[in-house]
Each structure stands twice: as C-alpha cells, then as structure tokens.
Protein backbone atom coordinates (compact mmCIF):
# COMPACT_ATOMS: atom_id res chain seq x y z
CA MET A 1 -0.06 0.09 0.09
CA SER A 2 1.27 3.44 -0.93
CA LEU A 3 1.86 6.16 1.75
CA ALA A 4 -0.98 8.16 0.21
CA SER A 5 -3.28 5.17 0.33
CA LEU A 6 -2.41 4.57 3.92
CA ILE A 7 -3.06 8.13 5.01
CA ALA A 8 -6.45 7.93 3.14
CA ALA A 9 -7.43 4.63 4.90
CA LEU A 10 -6.52 6.10 8.28
CA ALA A 11 -8.67 9.21 7.42
CA LEU A 12 -11.63 6.95 6.54
CA ALA A 13 -11.15 4.63 9.32
CA GLN A 14 -11.31 7.52 11.87
CA ALA A 15 -14.12 9.37 10.01
CA PRO A 16 -17.00 10.83 12.16
CA ALA A 17 -19.53 8.73 10.35
CA SER A 18 -18.25 5.43 12.17
CA ALA A 19 -17.84 7.07 15.53
CA PRO A 20 -20.39 6.49 18.58
CA GLY A 21 -22.62 9.39 18.75
CA ALA A 22 -21.25 11.00 15.92
CA PRO A 23 -22.58 14.76 15.51
CA ARG A 24 -25.59 15.17 13.18
CA PRO A 25 -25.46 18.16 10.57
CA ASP A 26 -28.58 19.57 11.80
CA LEU A 27 -26.95 20.39 15.25
CA THR A 28 -25.78 23.59 13.54
CA ASP A 29 -29.42 24.75 12.58
CA VAL A 30 -29.65 27.12 15.65
CA PRO A 31 -31.26 30.56 15.95
CA PRO A 32 -28.67 33.35 15.09
CA PRO A 33 -27.82 35.92 17.77
CA ALA A 34 -29.42 39.21 17.50
CA PRO A 35 -27.83 41.62 15.10
CA MET A 36 -25.39 44.13 16.59
CA ALA A 37 -26.43 47.80 16.47
CA ALA A 38 -23.97 49.95 14.35
CA PRO A 39 -20.97 47.58 14.42
CA LEU A 40 -17.42 49.07 13.38
CA ALA A 41 -17.16 46.22 10.96
CA ARG A 42 -18.75 42.81 9.91
CA ILE A 43 -17.17 39.45 9.18
CA LEU A 44 -19.54 36.98 7.48
CA ILE A 45 -18.58 33.15 7.52
CA ALA A 46 -19.41 30.68 4.54
CA SER A 47 -18.39 27.28 5.89
CA ASP A 48 -19.19 23.83 7.18
CA SER A 49 -19.61 22.10 10.67
CA THR A 50 -16.02 23.13 11.52
CA ALA A 51 -16.85 26.67 11.88
CA ALA A 52 -20.46 26.53 12.55
CA ASN A 53 -22.62 27.75 15.57
CA TYR A 54 -23.79 25.08 17.96
CA GLY A 55 -26.33 25.04 20.81
CA ALA A 56 -25.47 23.95 24.24
CA SER A 57 -26.73 20.44 23.75
CA ALA A 58 -24.00 19.79 21.32
CA TYR A 59 -21.16 20.71 23.74
CA PRO A 60 -18.08 19.99 23.80
CA GLN A 61 -18.62 20.42 20.06
CA MET A 62 -17.97 23.99 18.80
CA GLY A 63 -16.87 25.72 15.62
CA TRP A 64 -14.15 28.13 15.28
CA GLY A 65 -16.64 30.71 14.10
CA MET A 66 -18.32 30.75 17.62
CA VAL A 67 -15.14 32.03 19.22
CA LEU A 68 -13.66 34.21 16.48
CA LYS A 69 -15.26 37.21 18.30
CA CYS A 70 -12.80 36.54 21.19
CA SER A 71 -10.05 38.01 18.88
CA LEU A 72 -11.92 40.85 17.65
CA ASP A 73 -12.70 44.35 18.81
CA PRO A 74 -16.13 43.67 20.71
CA ARG A 75 -17.73 46.37 18.26
CA VAL A 76 -17.10 43.89 15.29
CA GLU A 77 -19.93 41.70 14.39
CA VAL A 78 -19.57 38.24 13.26
CA VAL A 79 -22.38 36.82 11.09
CA ASN A 80 -21.67 33.13 11.26
CA LEU A 81 -23.55 31.55 8.31
CA ALA A 82 -21.52 28.14 8.40
CA ARG A 83 -23.72 25.08 8.45
CA GLY A 84 -22.92 21.47 8.98
CA GLY A 85 -22.59 18.87 6.23
CA ARG A 86 -22.39 21.44 3.42
CA SER A 87 -19.95 21.57 0.56
CA THR A 88 -19.53 24.45 -1.91
CA LYS A 89 -22.09 22.66 -3.92
CA THR A 90 -24.87 22.08 -1.44
CA PHE A 91 -24.25 25.46 0.08
CA ILE A 92 -25.18 26.93 -3.32
CA GLU A 93 -28.04 24.42 -4.06
CA GLU A 94 -29.71 24.92 -0.68
CA GLY A 95 -29.89 28.77 -1.16
CA LEU A 96 -27.39 29.42 1.82
CA TRP A 97 -25.06 31.39 -0.64
CA THR A 98 -27.72 33.45 -1.93
CA GLY A 99 -28.86 34.16 1.63
CA LEU A 100 -25.18 35.20 2.47
CA LEU A 101 -25.19 37.65 -0.51
CA ASP A 102 -28.68 39.13 0.65
CA LYS A 103 -26.89 39.91 4.06
CA LEU A 104 -23.79 41.19 2.63
CA LYS A 105 -23.05 44.96 2.77
CA PRO A 106 -20.29 46.97 1.13
CA GLY A 107 -17.21 46.72 3.23
CA ASP A 108 -17.92 43.43 4.93
CA THR A 109 -15.41 40.69 5.11
CA VAL A 110 -16.37 37.16 4.18
CA LEU A 111 -14.54 34.09 5.33
CA ILE A 112 -14.89 31.12 2.84
CA GLN A 113 -13.87 27.72 4.12
CA PHE A 114 -15.02 24.50 2.48
CA GLY A 115 -13.48 21.23 1.57
CA HIS A 116 -14.47 18.51 3.95
CA ASN A 117 -17.70 17.78 2.52
CA ASP A 118 -16.72 18.40 -1.06
CA ALA A 119 -14.56 15.33 -0.63
CA ASP A 120 -17.32 13.25 0.29
CA ARG A 121 -17.82 10.45 -2.00
CA VAL A 122 -20.18 8.52 0.26
CA LYS A 123 -22.88 11.25 0.35
CA ILE A 124 -22.20 11.85 -3.33
CA VAL A 125 -24.68 14.92 -3.38
CA ARG A 126 -21.93 16.71 -1.67
CA PHE A 127 -18.93 15.80 -3.89
CA THR A 128 -17.04 18.25 -6.10
CA ASP A 129 -13.97 17.62 -8.16
CA PRO A 130 -11.15 19.69 -6.77
CA LYS A 131 -9.89 20.69 -10.12
CA GLY A 132 -13.52 21.26 -11.47
CA ALA A 133 -16.71 22.21 -9.56
CA TYR A 134 -14.76 23.12 -6.43
CA THR A 135 -12.45 25.37 -8.09
CA ASP A 136 -15.24 26.94 -10.12
CA ASN A 137 -17.47 27.40 -6.93
CA LEU A 138 -14.69 29.23 -5.05
CA THR A 139 -13.98 31.43 -8.01
CA ARG A 140 -17.60 32.18 -8.11
CA PHE A 141 -17.69 33.01 -4.46
CA VAL A 142 -14.82 35.44 -4.77
CA ALA A 143 -16.46 37.17 -7.77
CA ASP A 144 -19.97 37.46 -6.15
CA VAL A 145 -18.50 38.90 -2.89
CA ARG A 146 -16.51 41.61 -4.77
CA ALA A 147 -19.47 42.41 -7.04
CA LYS A 148 -21.38 43.43 -3.91
CA GLY A 149 -18.45 45.60 -2.55
CA GLY A 150 -17.31 42.88 0.06
CA GLN A 151 -13.91 41.62 0.79
CA PRO A 152 -13.49 37.76 0.09
CA VAL A 153 -10.92 35.84 2.11
CA LEU A 154 -10.35 32.25 0.96
CA MET A 155 -9.43 29.58 3.61
CA THR A 156 -8.14 26.01 3.32
CA PRO A 157 -10.06 23.49 5.41
CA ILE A 158 -8.98 22.98 8.99
CA ALA A 159 -6.69 19.81 9.29
CA LYS A 160 -7.90 16.59 10.60
CA HIS A 161 -6.11 14.80 13.47
CA VAL A 162 -4.32 12.05 11.59
CA PHE A 163 -0.78 10.92 12.43
CA LEU A 164 1.47 8.35 11.10
CA GLY A 165 3.90 7.68 13.84
CA ASP A 166 4.97 11.06 15.17
CA ARG A 167 3.98 13.09 12.11
CA VAL A 168 0.79 14.82 11.42
CA GLN A 169 -0.54 13.95 7.89
CA GLU A 170 -2.07 16.08 5.07
CA THR A 171 -5.60 14.69 4.40
CA HIS A 172 -6.89 17.62 2.42
CA GLY A 173 -4.47 17.37 -0.32
CA ALA A 174 -5.85 18.41 -3.77
CA TYR A 175 -8.67 20.50 -2.30
CA ALA A 176 -6.28 22.55 0.12
CA GLN A 177 -4.26 23.15 -3.09
CA ALA A 178 -7.08 24.18 -5.07
CA VAL A 179 -7.91 26.90 -2.52
CA ARG A 180 -4.36 28.21 -2.84
CA ASP A 181 -4.55 28.06 -6.74
CA VAL A 182 -7.91 30.01 -6.69
CA ALA A 183 -6.48 32.66 -4.23
CA ARG A 184 -3.54 33.15 -6.55
CA ALA A 185 -5.51 33.22 -9.66
CA THR A 186 -8.07 35.84 -8.32
CA GLY A 187 -5.73 37.68 -5.98
CA ALA A 188 -8.10 36.99 -3.07
CA PRO A 189 -6.27 36.98 0.48
CA LEU A 190 -5.53 33.37 1.84
CA ILE A 191 -5.62 31.95 5.18
CA ASP A 192 -3.93 28.53 5.12
CA LEU A 193 -5.79 26.91 8.12
CA ASP A 194 -4.96 23.43 7.07
CA ALA A 195 -1.09 24.24 7.15
CA ASP A 196 -1.36 26.22 10.44
CA MET A 197 -3.59 23.56 12.24
CA MET A 198 -1.18 20.94 11.18
CA GLY A 199 1.65 23.04 12.43
CA ALA A 200 -0.08 23.48 15.66
CA GLN A 201 -0.75 19.72 16.11
CA GLN A 202 2.91 18.83 15.11
CA ALA A 203 4.16 21.10 17.82
CA ARG A 204 2.28 19.37 20.50
CA GLY A 205 2.42 15.88 19.13
CA GLU A 206 -0.20 13.20 18.62
CA ALA A 207 -1.23 12.79 22.23
CA GLY A 208 -1.00 16.51 23.03
CA SER A 209 -3.14 17.65 20.02
CA ARG A 210 -5.93 15.08 20.08
CA GLY A 211 -7.51 17.06 22.89
CA PHE A 212 -8.60 19.64 20.36
CA TYR A 213 -10.83 17.13 18.48
CA LEU A 214 -13.96 14.98 19.62
CA ILE A 215 -11.77 12.14 20.61
CA TYR A 216 -12.66 10.89 24.05
CA THR A 217 -12.78 7.50 26.03
CA PRO A 218 -15.45 6.45 28.31
CA GLN A 219 -13.21 7.49 31.10
CA ASP A 220 -13.17 10.97 30.23
CA GLY A 221 -16.52 11.29 31.49
CA VAL A 222 -17.90 13.42 28.77
CA ALA A 223 -21.71 13.42 29.01
CA ARG A 224 -22.44 13.62 25.28
CA TYR A 225 -20.27 10.59 24.62
CA PRO A 226 -20.64 8.16 27.50
CA ASN A 227 -19.04 5.27 25.38
CA GLY A 228 -16.26 7.49 24.00
CA ASN A 229 -15.97 8.87 20.45
CA THR A 230 -13.14 8.94 17.79
CA ASP A 231 -14.08 12.07 15.65
CA THR A 232 -10.69 13.17 14.00
CA THR A 233 -12.56 15.82 12.07
CA HIS A 234 -14.68 18.02 14.32
CA ILE A 235 -13.20 20.22 17.06
CA ASN A 236 -14.16 20.69 20.67
CA GLU A 237 -14.05 24.07 22.69
CA GLY A 238 -10.25 23.93 22.81
CA GLY A 239 -9.83 23.28 19.32
CA ALA A 240 -12.17 25.94 18.31
CA ARG A 241 -10.51 28.48 20.33
CA LEU A 242 -6.96 27.47 18.86
CA ALA A 243 -8.37 27.66 15.21
CA ALA A 244 -10.04 31.00 15.86
CA SER A 245 -6.64 32.40 17.11
CA LEU A 246 -4.94 31.04 14.05
CA VAL A 247 -7.50 32.45 11.67
CA ALA A 248 -7.33 35.83 13.68
CA GLY A 249 -3.50 35.83 13.51
CA ARG A 250 -3.59 35.52 9.71
CA LEU A 251 -6.48 37.93 9.28
CA ALA A 252 -4.44 40.61 11.35
CA PHE A 253 -1.36 39.89 8.95
CA LEU A 254 -3.36 40.44 5.82
CA LYS A 255 -3.54 44.14 6.46
CA LEU A 256 -7.17 44.26 5.22
CA PRO A 257 -9.51 47.19 6.52
CA VAL A 258 -10.99 44.82 9.07
CA SER A 259 -7.42 43.92 10.31
CA THR A 260 -7.34 47.06 12.40
CA TYR A 261 -9.84 45.47 14.73
CA VAL A 262 -8.34 42.06 15.10
CA HIS A 263 -6.39 41.24 18.21
CA PRO A 264 -5.47 37.61 17.94
CA ALA A 265 -6.04 35.59 21.27
CA SER A 266 -3.04 33.32 22.40
CA THR A 267 -2.35 30.17 20.23
CA GLY A 268 -1.23 28.46 23.37
CA ASP A 269 -3.40 26.93 25.85
CA GLN A 270 -6.67 28.79 26.39
CA PRO A 271 -9.16 28.57 29.42
CA ILE A 272 -12.02 26.16 28.79
CA LEU A 273 -15.21 27.99 29.76
CA GLY A 274 -17.95 25.65 28.70
CA GLY A 275 -19.24 27.44 25.79
CA PRO A 276 -18.39 30.55 23.51
CA ARG A 277 -17.71 33.01 26.10
CA CYS A 278 -14.59 35.33 25.87
CA PRO A 279 -12.07 35.53 28.76
CA GLY A 280 -12.38 38.79 30.52
CA ARG A 281 -15.56 39.76 28.80
C-alpha cells in the first residue's frame, strides 16, 4: 500500500460517520444571535460544521466561528452562516450562498472555508472535483462577494487529527491546493488554516493535540459521549479556540480594513469556559 493510500485509509477509518454518537449536521441549525447595532465592521462566515454555531446540547463540539469574536474588537460583528454537512455545491444548491449575499453589505469581510464535504464520495450529493466544480465554486464566491463591495478571504479546510507515527498527515491534499490556486488566480487573500492547524498539532504531538478534537474515552466522563468518541474531524472548545486564534492571526497579518480590529488571542492553551464566552468579557 502506498503512503497516500495508507493516509486515506486512516482518515476514512477515523471518520466521524463510524464514531459512536457522531454529531448530526442539523446540530448547526440554531437561531442566530441578535444583530449588533452599528458595528464598526462585519465578518461573515461561509463554511461547514468545523466553523458553525452550535447550541449547548452539542457541547463540547464547537465551531471556530463561535469564538472568533474573542480575537476581535467587541464592536465587530461576526455573522456566522456556516452550516454542518455543506460543501460548496450544497451551500449553493440549498440557497445558503444566496442568503449570505442578501445579508452582505459593502465593506464586509467574508471568510470562505469549505473542503471537508466536497471530498465526500459516500454522500455523493456533496462531492465536487477539486479541479472542477470546487475550483469553479470558490472562484464564483470570490467574484460574487467583490461584486457586492465585500472583501472575500479564502481559507483552506481545517486539518484533521491524523498521524502516522509522530508526524501529522495532510488529508486535504488536492482541495487545500485548489484553494491556494484560486487565491493566486483571483488575487484573493488566503488563510491557510490546513497548514497552520497541522503545524499546531505537530508542535504538540499526537497525544497533545488529540485534545482539540472530539476524541474521548468512556473514562473521560464526557456526558455527550458516554461510550467514548473517535471523531478526528470535528473540534471541541479547545480546538475551536485554537483555530479561531490561528484564523485571527492570519487575518491581522493580511492588512485588510478589518485587520485594524483584530487582536488575536493566544495560540497557546486557552481557558475552557464551557461555551463560547470570551475570557475577560
């Protein structure tokens, strides 16, 4: 078996579909928070379950979009439109992209992160070819946001927790590269969350980084997973806080108009607060 085949087999074997009590996509269908009055800036998020909002019943699962606010000036509004189980294809087909455009105002920043579900060949309705429809959809997203006076920011999909020996493995391959290629072709700013999260995992090692994902044993005593869980894709509160800090760090570095209001939280160990509250707020 080739190294690439082995990595793919590991990722499939550890996929959330086979995990006890695996999260359901509809857990992200929660009421949005009330709009902020006169925000200094707005950030809209188009993405999947790794960024989405969750209700308290889904805890410890959280999306990084829930705590991005902790790295922003409190007067910046985050409009998190990410939904679980969506690919670029189904986000369009279900009208979610049109819904985002309807909310988009000139000057808004739009973070665009897909790929996990675009690679899904089991639920084939989600699938897109990385060199075909996936690239086309991302290119469309960039053009649509610009046409309405917004600032698109492309993001590679957040890395999974897959190790071979002591080395974290790339599992997004052609999809992450397609995002980089579209960013280069369109001139859109890029946040390489795949590479950054892989780096964060490598720095901590396999055992030290598994605590960012929904990986538990029965002995961990997590109420939602009394029998344990082996989800190497979705992140818990600690993973959401780390990912949001990585996103914010790159967003600040991009020197966009919104970057003035970005104050990245630490990428070290952050307090676990039992939900999306921000320390000190």
